[in-house]
N, C-alpha and C. Protein backbone atom coordinates (compact mmCIF):
# COMPACT_ATOMS: atom_id res chain seq x y z
N MET A 1 7.75 38.62 -9.58
CA MET A 1 7.19 37.32 -9.18
C MET A 1 7.11 37.21 -7.81
N ARG A 2 6.02 36.86 -7.39
CA ARG A 2 5.58 36.68 -5.94
C ARG A 2 6.30 35.22 -5.24
N PRO A 3 6.74 35.51 -4.25
CA PRO A 3 7.37 34.18 -3.70
C PRO A 3 6.22 33.12 -3.20
N THR A 4 6.60 32.03 -3.38
CA THR A 4 5.71 30.88 -3.16
C THR A 4 5.77 30.23 -1.86
N ARG A 5 5.01 29.82 -1.10
CA ARG A 5 5.15 29.20 0.20
C ARG A 5 5.58 28.02 0.14
N GLY A 6 5.46 27.19 -0.71
CA GLY A 6 6.00 25.92 -1.03
C GLY A 6 5.22 24.79 -0.16
N TYR A 7 5.20 23.71 -0.66
CA TYR A 7 4.42 22.63 -0.21
C TYR A 7 5.09 21.22 -0.51
N ALA A 8 5.24 20.58 0.52
CA ALA A 8 5.92 19.32 0.33
C ALA A 8 4.96 18.16 0.57
N SER A 9 4.78 17.21 -0.13
CA SER A 9 3.91 15.99 -0.08
C SER A 9 5.03 14.76 -0.07
N VAL A 10 4.88 14.12 0.97
CA VAL A 10 5.81 12.94 1.20
C VAL A 10 5.09 11.68 1.16
N ASP A 11 5.65 10.54 0.38
CA ASP A 11 5.19 9.22 0.44
C ASP A 11 5.99 8.45 1.52
N PHE A 12 5.65 8.30 2.60
CA PHE A 12 6.42 7.65 3.72
C PHE A 12 6.27 6.06 3.57
N VAL A 13 7.58 5.54 4.09
CA VAL A 13 7.43 4.08 4.26
C VAL A 13 6.95 3.90 5.88
N ASP A 14 6.25 2.74 6.15
CA ASP A 14 5.58 2.59 7.31
C ASP A 14 6.82 2.31 8.44
N PHE A 15 6.90 3.27 9.16
CA PHE A 15 8.13 3.09 10.20
C PHE A 15 7.63 3.64 11.30
N VAL A 16 8.30 3.09 12.65
CA VAL A 16 8.42 3.76 13.75
C VAL A 16 10.05 3.93 14.17
N HIS A 17 10.06 4.95 14.73
CA HIS A 17 11.57 5.23 15.08
C HIS A 17 11.76 5.01 16.80
N LEU A 18 12.70 3.97 17.08
CA LEU A 18 12.85 3.68 18.41
C LEU A 18 14.45 3.54 18.64
N ASN A 19 14.86 3.92 19.86
CA ASN A 19 16.36 3.64 19.90
C ASN A 19 17.21 4.09 19.14
N GLY A 20 16.96 5.37 18.50
CA GLY A 20 17.77 5.69 17.52
C GLY A 20 17.73 4.97 16.18
N ARG A 21 16.68 4.24 15.83
CA ARG A 21 16.76 3.34 14.71
C ARG A 21 15.35 3.33 14.17
N ASP A 22 15.15 3.22 12.87
CA ASP A 22 13.97 3.01 12.08
C ASP A 22 13.65 1.44 12.24
N PHE A 23 12.48 1.12 12.55
CA PHE A 23 11.77 0.00 12.62
C PHE A 23 10.68 -0.18 11.29
N ILE A 24 10.86 -0.83 10.35
CA ILE A 24 10.02 -0.64 9.21
C ILE A 24 9.14 -2.06 8.98
N SER A 25 7.86 -1.73 8.52
CA SER A 25 6.90 -2.78 8.35
C SER A 25 6.76 -2.78 6.85
N GLY A 26 6.57 -4.07 6.42
CA GLY A 26 6.05 -4.22 4.96
C GLY A 26 7.14 -4.41 3.84
N LEU A 27 8.49 -4.08 4.16
CA LEU A 27 9.23 -4.00 2.99
C LEU A 27 9.99 -5.50 2.70
N ASP A 28 9.64 -6.50 3.54
CA ASP A 28 10.17 -7.84 3.49
C ASP A 28 9.06 -8.80 3.75
N ALA A 29 9.25 -10.22 3.57
CA ALA A 29 8.36 -11.19 3.83
C ALA A 29 8.19 -11.23 5.34
N ALA A 30 9.42 -11.06 6.07
CA ALA A 30 9.04 -11.49 7.62
C ALA A 30 8.06 -10.38 8.31
N SER A 31 8.24 -9.13 7.84
CA SER A 31 7.34 -8.18 8.27
C SER A 31 5.90 -8.33 7.84
N ARG A 32 5.76 -8.76 6.86
CA ARG A 32 4.18 -8.86 6.26
C ARG A 32 3.67 -9.85 7.01
N ARG A 33 4.02 -10.70 7.82
CA ARG A 33 3.23 -11.55 8.64
C ARG A 33 2.95 -10.87 9.97
N PRO A 34 1.68 -10.42 10.21
CA PRO A 34 1.48 -9.65 11.44
C PRO A 34 1.43 -10.62 12.78
N PRO A 35 1.80 -10.05 13.77
CA PRO A 35 1.84 -10.94 14.92
C PRO A 35 0.44 -11.08 15.25
N ARG A 36 0.47 -12.36 16.26
CA ARG A 36 -0.84 -12.54 16.85
C ARG A 36 -1.01 -11.84 18.02
N PRO A 37 -2.16 -11.36 18.63
CA PRO A 37 -2.38 -10.76 19.89
C PRO A 37 -1.64 -11.26 21.06
N ALA A 38 -1.54 -12.66 21.01
CA ALA A 38 -0.90 -13.36 22.03
C ALA A 38 0.55 -13.08 22.15
N GLU A 39 1.13 -12.65 21.08
CA GLU A 39 2.63 -12.42 20.82
C GLU A 39 2.90 -11.05 21.46
N LEU A 40 2.15 -10.10 21.58
CA LEU A 40 2.17 -8.79 22.16
C LEU A 40 3.08 -9.05 23.44
N GLY A 41 4.00 -8.24 23.92
CA GLY A 41 4.56 -8.14 25.25
C GLY A 41 4.47 -6.70 25.64
N ALA A 42 5.12 -6.15 26.59
CA ALA A 42 5.14 -4.98 27.03
C ALA A 42 5.19 -3.92 26.18
N VAL A 43 4.56 -2.65 26.37
CA VAL A 43 4.75 -1.46 25.87
C VAL A 43 5.77 -0.75 25.88
N VAL A 44 6.72 -0.55 24.98
CA VAL A 44 8.09 -0.13 24.98
C VAL A 44 8.17 1.41 24.66
N ILE A 45 7.08 1.94 23.97
CA ILE A 45 7.25 3.52 23.76
C ILE A 45 5.70 3.56 23.13
N ARG A 46 5.42 4.93 23.26
CA ARG A 46 4.29 5.54 22.57
C ARG A 46 4.48 6.37 21.64
N VAL A 47 3.66 6.33 20.62
CA VAL A 47 4.07 7.43 19.35
C VAL A 47 3.71 8.74 19.80
N ARG A 48 4.84 9.76 19.42
CA ARG A 48 4.69 11.08 20.09
C ARG A 48 4.24 11.86 18.72
N CYS A 49 4.74 11.57 17.45
CA CYS A 49 4.28 12.16 16.33
C CYS A 49 4.04 11.42 15.14
N SER A 50 3.20 11.59 14.28
CA SER A 50 2.83 11.04 13.11
C SER A 50 3.18 11.88 11.91
N PHE A 51 4.17 11.47 11.37
CA PHE A 51 4.69 12.24 10.22
C PHE A 51 3.70 12.50 9.09
N SER A 52 2.91 11.55 8.91
CA SER A 52 2.01 11.81 7.67
C SER A 52 1.00 12.76 8.21
N GLN A 53 0.37 12.73 9.43
CA GLN A 53 -0.53 13.90 9.89
C GLN A 53 0.00 15.16 9.82
N PHE A 54 1.36 15.25 10.28
CA PHE A 54 1.93 16.48 10.28
C PHE A 54 2.11 17.13 9.02
N ASN A 55 2.54 16.15 7.97
CA ASN A 55 2.61 16.58 6.67
C ASN A 55 1.40 17.09 5.97
N GLU A 56 0.27 16.14 6.25
CA GLU A 56 -0.92 16.63 5.84
C GLU A 56 -1.63 17.79 6.28
N ARG A 57 -1.36 18.18 7.57
CA ARG A 57 -1.81 19.37 8.34
C ARG A 57 -0.92 20.71 7.88
N THR A 58 0.32 20.40 7.69
CA THR A 58 1.26 21.46 7.61
C THR A 58 1.75 21.77 5.97
N GLY A 59 1.81 20.71 5.35
CA GLY A 59 2.35 20.79 4.04
C GLY A 59 4.02 20.74 3.91
N LYS A 60 4.56 20.51 5.36
CA LYS A 60 5.70 20.79 5.35
C LYS A 60 6.55 19.50 5.64
N MET A 61 7.91 19.24 5.51
CA MET A 61 8.55 18.18 5.71
C MET A 61 8.92 18.14 7.26
N PRO A 62 8.56 16.96 7.97
CA PRO A 62 8.97 16.62 9.30
C PRO A 62 10.58 16.70 9.34
N GLY A 63 11.05 17.20 10.44
CA GLY A 63 12.50 16.99 10.60
C GLY A 63 12.89 15.62 10.86
N PRO A 64 14.13 15.34 11.11
CA PRO A 64 14.73 14.11 11.29
C PRO A 64 13.87 13.41 12.34
N ALA A 65 13.74 12.13 12.18
CA ALA A 65 12.86 11.19 13.10
C ALA A 65 13.54 11.14 14.30
N ARG A 66 12.81 11.11 15.59
CA ARG A 66 13.06 10.92 16.97
C ARG A 66 12.45 9.94 17.53
N ASP A 67 12.96 9.43 18.66
CA ASP A 67 12.46 8.23 19.14
C ASP A 67 10.85 8.49 19.59
N GLY A 68 10.05 7.78 19.15
CA GLY A 68 8.60 8.02 19.28
C GLY A 68 7.81 8.45 18.03
N ASP A 69 8.63 8.88 17.02
CA ASP A 69 8.00 9.21 15.63
C ASP A 69 7.72 8.13 14.72
N ALA A 70 6.63 8.32 14.04
CA ALA A 70 6.07 7.17 13.20
C ALA A 70 5.52 7.70 11.88
N ALA A 71 5.37 6.98 10.73
CA ALA A 71 4.97 7.44 9.53
C ALA A 71 3.34 7.55 9.72
N PHE A 72 2.84 6.52 10.18
CA PHE A 72 1.28 6.55 10.12
C PHE A 72 0.66 6.07 11.25
N LEU A 73 1.19 5.68 12.38
CA LEU A 73 0.71 5.49 13.54
C LEU A 73 0.44 6.80 14.37
N LYS A 74 -0.83 6.87 14.89
CA LYS A 74 -1.39 8.12 15.61
C LYS A 74 -0.77 8.35 16.88
N PRO A 75 -0.64 9.74 17.32
CA PRO A 75 0.10 9.92 18.47
C PRO A 75 -0.66 9.44 19.65
N GLY A 76 0.25 8.61 20.60
CA GLY A 76 -0.24 7.86 21.76
C GLY A 76 -0.35 6.42 21.46
N THR A 77 -0.42 5.94 20.32
CA THR A 77 -0.37 4.46 20.02
C THR A 77 0.78 3.76 20.59
N PRO A 78 0.32 2.77 21.50
CA PRO A 78 1.45 2.02 22.11
C PRO A 78 2.11 1.05 21.09
N VAL A 79 3.31 1.17 21.31
CA VAL A 79 4.48 0.05 20.65
C VAL A 79 4.69 -0.86 21.46
N TYR A 80 4.58 -2.17 21.11
CA TYR A 80 4.80 -3.51 21.96
C TYR A 80 6.03 -4.15 21.58
N SER A 81 6.70 -4.83 22.59
CA SER A 81 7.61 -5.70 22.21
C SER A 81 6.88 -6.92 21.86
N VAL A 82 7.61 -7.87 21.07
CA VAL A 82 6.99 -9.24 20.77
C VAL A 82 7.71 -10.27 21.27
N SER A 83 6.78 -11.05 21.62
CA SER A 83 7.32 -12.45 22.51
C SER A 83 8.29 -13.13 21.69
N GLY A 84 9.45 -13.42 22.52
CA GLY A 84 10.49 -14.33 22.05
C GLY A 84 11.63 -13.30 21.33
N TRP A 85 11.30 -12.04 20.77
CA TRP A 85 12.17 -11.17 20.26
C TRP A 85 12.69 -10.06 21.20
N SER A 86 13.82 -9.59 21.06
CA SER A 86 14.43 -8.48 21.59
C SER A 86 13.78 -7.16 20.94
N PRO A 87 13.35 -6.21 21.86
CA PRO A 87 12.71 -4.95 21.30
C PRO A 87 13.80 -3.98 20.56
N GLU A 88 14.86 -4.53 20.64
CA GLU A 88 16.14 -3.72 19.66
C GLU A 88 15.95 -4.33 18.50
N CYS A 89 15.09 -5.42 18.08
CA CYS A 89 15.08 -6.21 16.80
C CYS A 89 13.75 -6.16 16.09
N ARG A 90 12.48 -6.38 16.98
CA ARG A 90 11.23 -6.43 16.45
C ARG A 90 10.51 -5.89 17.37
N VAL A 91 9.42 -4.96 16.96
CA VAL A 91 8.17 -4.51 17.63
C VAL A 91 6.99 -4.61 17.07
N ALA A 92 5.77 -4.21 17.52
CA ALA A 92 4.61 -4.19 17.01
C ALA A 92 3.76 -3.14 17.24
N ALA A 93 2.69 -2.94 16.58
CA ALA A 93 1.76 -1.81 16.92
C ALA A 93 0.28 -2.17 16.15
N ARG A 94 -0.58 -1.62 16.71
CA ARG A 94 -2.00 -1.73 15.99
C ARG A 94 -2.42 -0.39 15.31
N ARG A 95 -2.82 -0.43 14.32
CA ARG A 95 -3.28 0.62 13.25
C ARG A 95 -4.54 0.24 12.59
N ASP A 96 -5.65 0.95 12.75
CA ASP A 96 -6.78 0.68 12.04
C ASP A 96 -7.25 -0.86 12.41
N SER A 97 -7.12 -1.17 13.66
CA SER A 97 -7.73 -2.66 14.20
C SER A 97 -6.70 -3.73 13.54
N ARG A 98 -5.79 -3.46 13.09
CA ARG A 98 -4.90 -4.51 12.58
C ARG A 98 -3.69 -4.34 13.00
N LEU A 99 -2.85 -5.50 13.51
CA LEU A 99 -1.39 -5.45 13.91
C LEU A 99 -0.31 -5.37 12.92
N TYR A 100 0.70 -4.62 13.18
CA TYR A 100 1.74 -4.70 12.19
C TYR A 100 3.03 -4.95 12.79
N LEU A 101 3.97 -5.65 12.20
CA LEU A 101 5.12 -6.06 12.71
C LEU A 101 6.03 -5.02 12.12
N TYR A 102 6.91 -4.56 12.98
CA TYR A 102 8.29 -3.61 12.45
C TYR A 102 9.48 -4.31 12.76
N LEU A 103 10.54 -4.40 11.76
CA LEU A 103 11.70 -4.86 12.03
C LEU A 103 12.82 -3.82 12.08
N ALA A 104 13.76 -3.91 12.93
CA ALA A 104 14.79 -2.91 12.97
C ALA A 104 15.60 -3.15 11.64
N TYR A 105 15.88 -1.79 11.19
CA TYR A 105 16.77 -1.87 10.01
C TYR A 105 18.09 -0.97 10.24
N ARG A 106 18.92 -1.21 9.30
CA ARG A 106 20.44 -0.71 9.37
C ARG A 106 20.32 0.87 9.25
N ASN A 107 20.91 1.49 10.01
CA ASN A 107 21.06 2.93 9.88
C ASN A 107 21.90 3.36 8.84
N GLY A 108 21.71 4.15 7.82
CA GLY A 108 22.53 4.38 6.47
C GLY A 108 22.67 3.30 5.61
N GLY A 109 23.51 3.37 4.74
CA GLY A 109 23.84 2.19 3.74
C GLY A 109 23.18 2.63 2.35
N ALA A 110 23.62 2.09 1.37
CA ALA A 110 23.06 2.36 0.15
C ALA A 110 21.47 1.87 -0.07
N HIS A 111 21.13 0.73 0.73
CA HIS A 111 19.85 0.37 0.56
C HIS A 111 19.23 -0.42 1.90
N ALA A 112 18.05 -0.33 2.07
CA ALA A 112 17.32 -0.69 3.18
C ALA A 112 17.63 -2.24 3.44
N GLU A 113 17.98 -2.40 4.55
CA GLU A 113 18.36 -3.91 5.12
C GLU A 113 18.11 -3.90 6.62
N PRO A 114 17.28 -5.13 6.81
CA PRO A 114 16.96 -5.31 8.24
C PRO A 114 18.37 -5.90 9.17
N LEU A 115 18.22 -5.63 10.32
CA LEU A 115 19.35 -6.15 11.13
C LEU A 115 19.16 -7.62 11.22
N ALA A 116 20.30 -8.44 11.17
CA ALA A 116 20.00 -9.85 11.35
C ALA A 116 19.44 -10.28 12.37
N CYS A 117 19.42 -9.71 13.63
CA CYS A 117 18.54 -10.09 14.71
C CYS A 117 17.11 -10.05 14.35
N ALA A 118 16.67 -9.10 13.61
CA ALA A 118 15.31 -9.07 13.26
C ALA A 118 14.65 -10.17 12.29
N THR A 119 15.46 -10.76 11.61
CA THR A 119 15.23 -11.60 10.61
C THR A 119 15.41 -13.17 10.92
N GLN A 120 16.41 -13.40 11.84
CA GLN A 120 16.78 -14.93 12.42
C GLN A 120 16.11 -15.01 13.60
N ALA A 121 15.45 -15.98 13.65
CA ALA A 121 14.77 -16.64 15.02
C ALA A 121 15.74 -16.65 16.03
N PRO A 122 15.46 -16.06 17.25
CA PRO A 122 16.33 -16.21 18.46
C PRO A 122 16.33 -17.61 18.98
N HIS A 123 17.42 -18.02 19.47
CA HIS A 123 17.68 -19.40 19.91
C HIS A 123 17.25 -19.60 21.36
């Protein structure tokens, strides 16, 4: 029997990794409302690696996410702070001419849960 090279096809959730944490878009009602362009603040990081592009190109599983890695955002894409929110809680990015909101999620745990600061309006 000949050894196979193996191929991994991954169905990613829409994430960007920042400050050692995953920020996820689209899993809850809060992140489904895209920010308005006027709500974008300073660039907090630029995407360094697109996991979906890596997987499509190589057929391999990417390693653990590092700061600047994302599921679908292209390398070089700016990730912005969101006006009125800490960049530790919410960030935004543009993909295919559309803005997406990303909420900070708890590391580990039995199920995905956004941090309280990502869902509760700041005072």
